[in-house]
Amino acid sequence: MLVVQVVEILWSKATRGAPAANVRAALPRAFGIELHEGLFVLHHVKMVEWEDFSPRCIKSEVHASVPRVEGGLSIRQLPEGSYRLGLIGNPSGGKPHRHPVNEALTLQAGEFARLAINGRHTSYSGQWYSEYVYNAASAHRVSATRFLQGAPEHEFSLVADLF
């Protein structure tokens, strides 16, 4: 079983600097999950500035197979039951451009990994920012509090200074 939790954080230029940036930096990057039976479990939590950064589960799904990509996370299932994880980019685009790292780390059974990427975006309505954190755990059965049980065994970050 592979469990992936996506934590998406969105904010505007209005809260880019302190003290609002301090509030954003203190936001949780992991949550408890609903337990499901299946080969692949996806749990997506979104926190946005214009909703006071209140965590909202926007997706909780179970799949019979492991996808090759989930948002900006690349996933390759290895024969021995482990996974190679990487980042292919910010799922909503954004700058600065980072080169994809399709295979950044290997996740073994019983381990927890965290991968992160951020971006600066421009649209007709102005500038906004995003951060995506991918928590991934592999095990025969994953605990509902797995992502809250301390530091991950593996971390990979393409987080850049968004000036």
Protein backbone atom coordinates (compact mmCIF):
# COMPACT_ATOMS: atom_id res chain seq x y z
CA MET A 1 0.00 0.00 0.00
CA LEU A 2 1.17 3.51 -0.84
CA VAL A 3 -0.46 6.46 0.89
CA VAL A 4 0.11 9.96 -0.49
CA GLN A 5 -1.06 13.06 1.32
CA VAL A 6 -0.91 16.31 -0.63
CA VAL A 7 -0.83 19.47 1.49
CA GLU A 8 -1.51 22.51 -0.72
CA ILE A 9 -1.01 26.04 0.62
CA LEU A 10 -2.00 29.13 -1.40
CA TRP A 11 -1.46 32.79 -0.49
CA SER A 12 -1.37 36.25 -2.06
CA LYS A 13 1.16 39.04 -2.16
CA ALA A 14 -0.75 40.71 0.70
CA THR A 15 0.46 38.06 3.17
CA ARG A 16 3.88 37.45 1.66
CA GLY A 17 5.80 39.38 4.33
CA ALA A 18 5.90 39.25 8.12
CA PRO A 19 3.91 38.92 10.32
CA ALA A 20 1.57 36.98 7.99
CA ALA A 21 4.51 35.00 6.60
CA ASN A 22 5.24 33.81 10.14
CA VAL A 23 1.67 32.52 10.44
CA ARG A 24 1.99 30.71 7.11
CA ALA A 25 5.36 29.20 8.05
CA ALA A 26 3.79 27.77 11.21
CA LEU A 27 1.00 25.97 9.30
CA PRO A 28 1.04 22.17 9.57
CA ARG A 29 2.62 20.27 6.68
CA ALA A 30 1.01 16.97 7.69
CA PHE A 31 -2.38 15.75 8.91
CA GLY A 32 -4.00 12.55 10.07
CA ILE A 33 -5.57 10.48 7.32
CA GLU A 34 -8.69 8.37 6.88
CA LEU A 35 -7.89 4.68 6.78
CA HIS A 36 -8.88 2.89 3.58
CA GLU A 37 -8.09 -0.47 2.03
CA GLY A 38 -6.49 -0.30 -1.38
CA LEU A 39 -3.16 -0.31 -3.15
CA PHE A 40 -3.06 3.50 -3.44
CA VAL A 41 -4.68 6.00 -1.06
CA LEU A 42 -4.74 9.73 -1.83
CA HIS A 43 -5.58 12.40 0.75
CA HIS A 44 -5.46 16.05 -0.40
CA VAL A 45 -5.69 18.92 2.10
CA LYS A 46 -5.86 22.55 0.99
CA MET A 47 -5.23 25.71 3.05
CA VAL A 48 -5.74 29.11 1.42
CA GLU A 49 -5.18 32.62 2.71
CA TRP A 50 -8.63 33.86 1.66
CA GLU A 51 -10.18 31.13 3.86
CA ASP A 52 -7.98 32.00 6.88
CA PHE A 53 -5.73 29.00 6.11
CA SER A 54 -8.39 26.64 7.50
CA PRO A 55 -7.46 23.07 6.48
CA ARG A 56 -10.02 21.54 4.12
CA CYS A 57 -9.91 18.00 2.76
CA ILE A 58 -10.67 18.34 -0.94
CA LYS A 59 -10.01 14.75 -1.97
CA SER A 60 -9.82 11.35 -0.30
CA GLU A 61 -9.64 8.46 -2.74
CA VAL A 62 -8.66 4.81 -2.95
CA HIS A 63 -7.34 3.25 -6.14
CA ALA A 64 -6.64 -0.33 -7.17
CA SER A 65 -3.36 0.68 -8.82
CA VAL A 66 -0.58 3.17 -8.16
CA PRO A 67 -0.49 6.07 -10.65
CA ARG A 68 2.76 7.15 -12.25
CA VAL A 69 2.02 10.80 -11.38
CA GLU A 70 -0.02 12.54 -8.69
CA GLY A 71 0.03 16.31 -9.18
CA GLY A 72 3.72 17.19 -9.27
CA LEU A 73 4.83 13.90 -7.66
CA SER A 74 6.29 11.18 -9.87
CA ILE A 75 5.92 7.61 -8.64
CA ARG A 76 7.69 4.49 -9.91
CA GLN A 77 6.81 1.19 -8.32
CA LEU A 78 9.82 -1.11 -7.93
CA PRO A 79 9.59 -4.91 -8.10
CA GLU A 80 10.47 -5.50 -4.42
CA GLY A 81 7.54 -3.36 -3.21
CA SER A 82 9.39 -0.10 -2.76
CA TYR A 83 8.84 3.13 -4.68
CA ARG A 84 11.02 5.74 -6.37
CA LEU A 85 9.57 9.22 -5.80
CA GLY A 86 10.45 12.53 -7.38
CA LEU A 87 9.11 15.95 -8.29
CA ILE A 88 8.25 16.84 -11.87
CA GLY A 89 7.19 20.41 -11.11
CA ASN A 90 4.61 22.60 -9.47
CA PRO A 91 1.18 21.23 -10.47
CA SER A 92 -0.18 24.74 -11.02
CA GLY A 93 2.89 25.95 -12.92
CA GLY A 94 4.71 28.88 -11.46
CA LYS A 95 8.15 30.36 -11.33
CA PRO A 96 11.01 29.93 -10.85
CA HIS A 97 11.23 26.97 -13.21
CA ARG A 98 12.87 23.90 -11.67
CA HIS A 99 14.15 20.95 -13.65
CA PRO A 100 12.23 17.75 -12.89
CA VAL A 101 13.85 15.22 -10.60
CA ASN A 102 11.87 12.11 -11.47
CA GLU A 103 13.65 9.85 -9.01
CA ALA A 104 14.78 11.79 -5.95
CA LEU A 105 14.49 9.07 -3.30
CA THR A 106 13.54 5.46 -2.66
CA LEU A 107 10.71 4.74 -0.23
CA GLN A 108 10.91 1.29 1.40
CA ALA A 109 8.06 -0.49 3.20
CA GLY A 110 7.45 1.07 6.62
CA GLU A 111 9.04 4.40 5.68
CA PHE A 112 7.67 7.93 5.36
CA ALA A 113 8.98 10.55 2.93
CA ARG A 114 8.24 14.25 2.46
CA LEU A 115 8.79 16.12 -0.82
CA ALA A 116 8.07 19.83 -1.31
CA ILE A 117 7.92 22.41 -4.09
CA ASN A 118 6.65 25.99 -4.30
CA GLY A 119 5.93 28.61 -6.95
CA ARG A 120 5.09 32.20 -7.76
CA HIS A 121 2.20 32.72 -10.18
CA THR A 122 0.85 35.66 -12.15
CA SER A 123 -2.63 36.00 -13.59
CA TYR A 124 -4.95 38.79 -14.71
CA SER A 125 -5.99 39.23 -11.06
CA GLY A 126 -2.47 39.62 -9.70
CA GLN A 127 0.27 37.57 -8.12
CA TRP A 128 -0.20 34.53 -5.89
CA TYR A 129 2.01 31.83 -4.38
CA SER A 130 1.77 28.09 -3.81
CA GLU A 131 3.47 25.39 -1.79
CA TYR A 132 2.85 21.69 -2.30
CA VAL A 133 4.01 19.14 0.25
CA TYR A 134 3.77 15.45 -0.60
CA ASN A 135 3.81 13.09 2.35
CA ALA A 136 4.17 9.45 1.26
CA ALA A 137 4.17 6.25 3.30
CA SER A 138 4.48 2.64 2.24
CA ALA A 139 3.46 -0.32 4.36
CA HIS A 140 1.12 -3.30 4.41
CA ARG A 141 -1.11 -1.10 6.57
CA VAL A 142 -0.46 2.59 7.19
CA SER A 143 -1.46 4.17 10.51
CA ALA A 144 -3.96 7.06 10.42
CA THR A 145 -1.38 9.18 12.28
CA ARG A 146 1.69 8.07 10.30
CA PHE A 147 2.51 11.56 9.01
CA LEU A 148 2.22 13.01 12.52
CA GLN A 149 4.65 10.55 14.15
CA GLY A 150 7.85 12.56 13.92
CA ALA A 151 10.25 13.40 11.14
CA PRO A 152 10.18 11.51 7.84
CA GLU A 153 12.92 9.01 6.99
CA HIS A 154 13.49 10.85 3.68
CA GLU A 155 13.06 14.49 2.62
CA PHE A 156 13.50 16.17 -0.75
CA SER A 157 12.84 19.81 -1.49
CA LEU A 158 12.69 21.98 -4.61
CA VAL A 159 11.45 24.92 -2.53
CA ALA A 160 12.92 28.15 -3.90
CA ASP A 161 13.15 31.73 -2.68
CA LEU A 162 10.07 33.36 -4.22
CA PHE A 163 11.31 36.95 -3.55
